[in-house]
Protein backbone atom coordinates (compact mmCIF):
# COMPACT_ATOMS: atom_id res chain seq x y z
CA MET A 1 103.49 118.85 108.66
CA SER A 2 101.25 116.35 106.90
CA GLN A 3 101.99 112.65 107.21
CA LEU A 4 101.25 109.84 104.76
CA LEU A 5 100.10 106.75 106.66
CA ILE A 6 100.38 103.53 104.65
CA PHE A 7 99.04 100.21 105.86
CA VAL A 8 99.32 96.87 104.06
CA LEU A 9 96.56 94.66 105.42
CA ASN A 10 97.24 90.92 105.28
CA ASN A 11 93.94 89.58 106.66
CA LEU A 12 91.07 90.57 104.37
CA GLU A 13 88.56 89.51 107.04
CA GLN A 14 89.66 92.64 108.96
CA TYR A 15 89.16 94.94 105.96
CA SER A 16 85.76 96.34 106.93
CA ASP A 17 86.78 96.72 110.58
CA ILE A 18 89.90 98.68 109.58
CA LEU A 19 87.89 101.05 107.38
CA ASP A 20 85.39 101.64 110.20
CA ALA A 21 88.19 102.14 112.74
CA TRP A 22 90.05 104.65 110.55
CA GLU A 23 86.89 106.65 109.86
CA GLU A 24 85.96 106.70 113.56
CA ALA A 25 89.51 107.80 114.44
CA GLY A 26 89.20 110.75 112.07
CA ALA A 27 91.09 109.70 108.93
CA PRO A 28 90.17 112.45 106.45
CA GLY A 29 89.97 110.09 103.48
CA ILE A 30 91.13 106.60 102.66
CA THR A 31 92.50 105.32 99.38
CA ILE A 32 92.54 101.55 98.88
CA LEU A 33 94.61 99.49 96.47
CA GLU A 34 94.70 95.74 95.89
CA SER A 35 98.26 94.58 96.38
CA THR A 36 100.37 91.46 96.57
CA GLY A 37 103.81 90.91 98.06
CA VAL A 38 106.50 89.19 96.06
CA GLY A 39 107.00 86.71 98.91
CA HIS A 40 103.46 85.44 98.39
CA ILE A 41 103.93 85.12 94.65
CA ARG A 42 107.14 83.15 95.05
CA SER A 43 105.75 80.85 97.72
CA VAL A 44 102.60 79.82 95.88
CA VAL A 45 102.67 76.51 94.06
CA ARG A 46 99.47 75.75 92.18
CA ASP A 47 98.72 72.75 89.99
CA ASP A 48 96.28 74.67 87.80
CA LEU A 49 98.81 77.24 86.53
CA PRO A 50 100.22 77.02 83.04
CA LEU A 51 103.91 76.17 82.60
CA MET A 52 104.70 79.88 82.09
CA PRO A 53 102.10 81.69 84.23
CA SER A 54 101.37 85.36 83.79
CA LEU A 55 101.18 87.72 86.73
CA SER A 56 97.39 87.75 86.38
CA ASP A 57 97.39 83.94 86.68
CA LEU A 58 99.38 84.21 89.90
CA LEU A 59 97.16 86.95 91.28
CA ALA A 60 93.97 85.01 90.59
CA SER A 61 94.40 83.22 93.91
CA HIS A 62 92.29 84.96 96.58
CA GLU A 63 94.65 84.14 99.44
CA MET A 64 97.44 86.17 97.84
CA HIS A 65 95.64 89.48 97.85
CA HIS A 66 96.22 92.23 100.36
CA ARG A 67 94.79 95.70 100.64
CA THR A 68 97.06 98.70 100.88
CA LEU A 69 95.31 101.62 102.53
CA PHE A 70 96.69 105.10 102.72
CA THR A 71 95.67 108.51 103.92
CA VAL A 72 97.30 111.91 104.36
CA ILE A 73 96.80 113.27 107.87
CA GLU A 74 97.68 116.80 108.92
CA ASP A 75 96.92 116.49 112.65
CA GLU A 76 99.40 114.52 114.79
CA GLN A 77 96.70 113.52 117.30
CA ILE A 78 94.50 112.07 114.57
CA LEU A 79 97.50 110.21 113.18
CA ASP A 80 98.09 108.62 116.60
CA LYS A 81 94.39 107.72 116.89
CA VAL A 82 94.39 106.03 113.47
CA ILE A 83 97.50 104.02 114.34
CA GLU A 84 96.01 102.97 117.70
CA ALA A 85 92.73 102.02 116.00
CA THR A 86 94.65 99.89 113.50
CA GLU A 87 96.47 98.05 116.28
CA ARG A 88 93.18 97.40 118.08
CA VAL A 89 91.88 95.61 114.98
CA VAL A 90 94.98 93.69 113.81
CA GLY A 91 96.82 93.28 117.10
CA ASP A 92 100.50 93.64 117.87
CA PHE A 93 102.52 94.36 114.73
CA THR A 94 105.38 92.19 116.00
CA ARG A 95 103.19 89.12 115.34
CA HIS A 96 103.08 87.42 111.95
CA HIS A 97 100.32 88.22 109.44
CA THR A 98 99.31 91.52 111.02
CA GLY A 99 100.46 93.60 108.08
CA LEU A 100 102.84 96.50 107.73
CA LEU A 101 102.18 100.09 108.78
CA PHE A 102 104.49 103.04 108.21
CA VAL A 103 104.32 106.82 108.16
CA VAL A 104 106.17 109.12 105.77
CA PRO A 105 106.37 112.92 106.02
CA VAL A 106 104.66 114.80 103.20
CA SER A 107 106.48 117.98 102.22
CA ARG A 108 103.66 119.20 100.00
CA ALA A 109 100.08 118.07 99.40
CA LEU A 110 97.60 119.66 97.03
CA GLY A 111 93.90 118.90 97.06
CA LEU A 112 93.49 117.97 100.71
CA GLN A 113 91.03 120.76 101.37
CA LYS A 114 88.25 121.19 98.86
CA GLU A 115 85.99 124.20 98.45
CA ASP A 116 82.26 123.76 98.58
CA GLU A 117 80.52 123.90 95.21
CA GLY A 118 79.13 127.38 95.93
CA GLU A 119 82.50 128.93 96.87
CA ASN A 120 84.91 130.47 94.35
């Protein structure tokens, strides 16, 4: 069964290393989203914000941004390699500011395998 691996990266300095590690471990494709946790939004106090800031005002701060990476992996061994590679880069997930990684079973996935242009 396919698995959806989702990783919220806290430290953007590790971003390039994570991408390299996932590719080397055999991740078939990686989708990346900018993301922000509500805890970061609530904890930020900035003097330059308007009295009623918009979400875009709050997100303008670089230190609040995370990257959420995800990939669908069909092979259990590759999944384990990608998780191990992630831990090598960020360290022990029980420590603060290492991010959040979780895996969810995928009951159906369309578009994982693509035909070559010449095939029909």
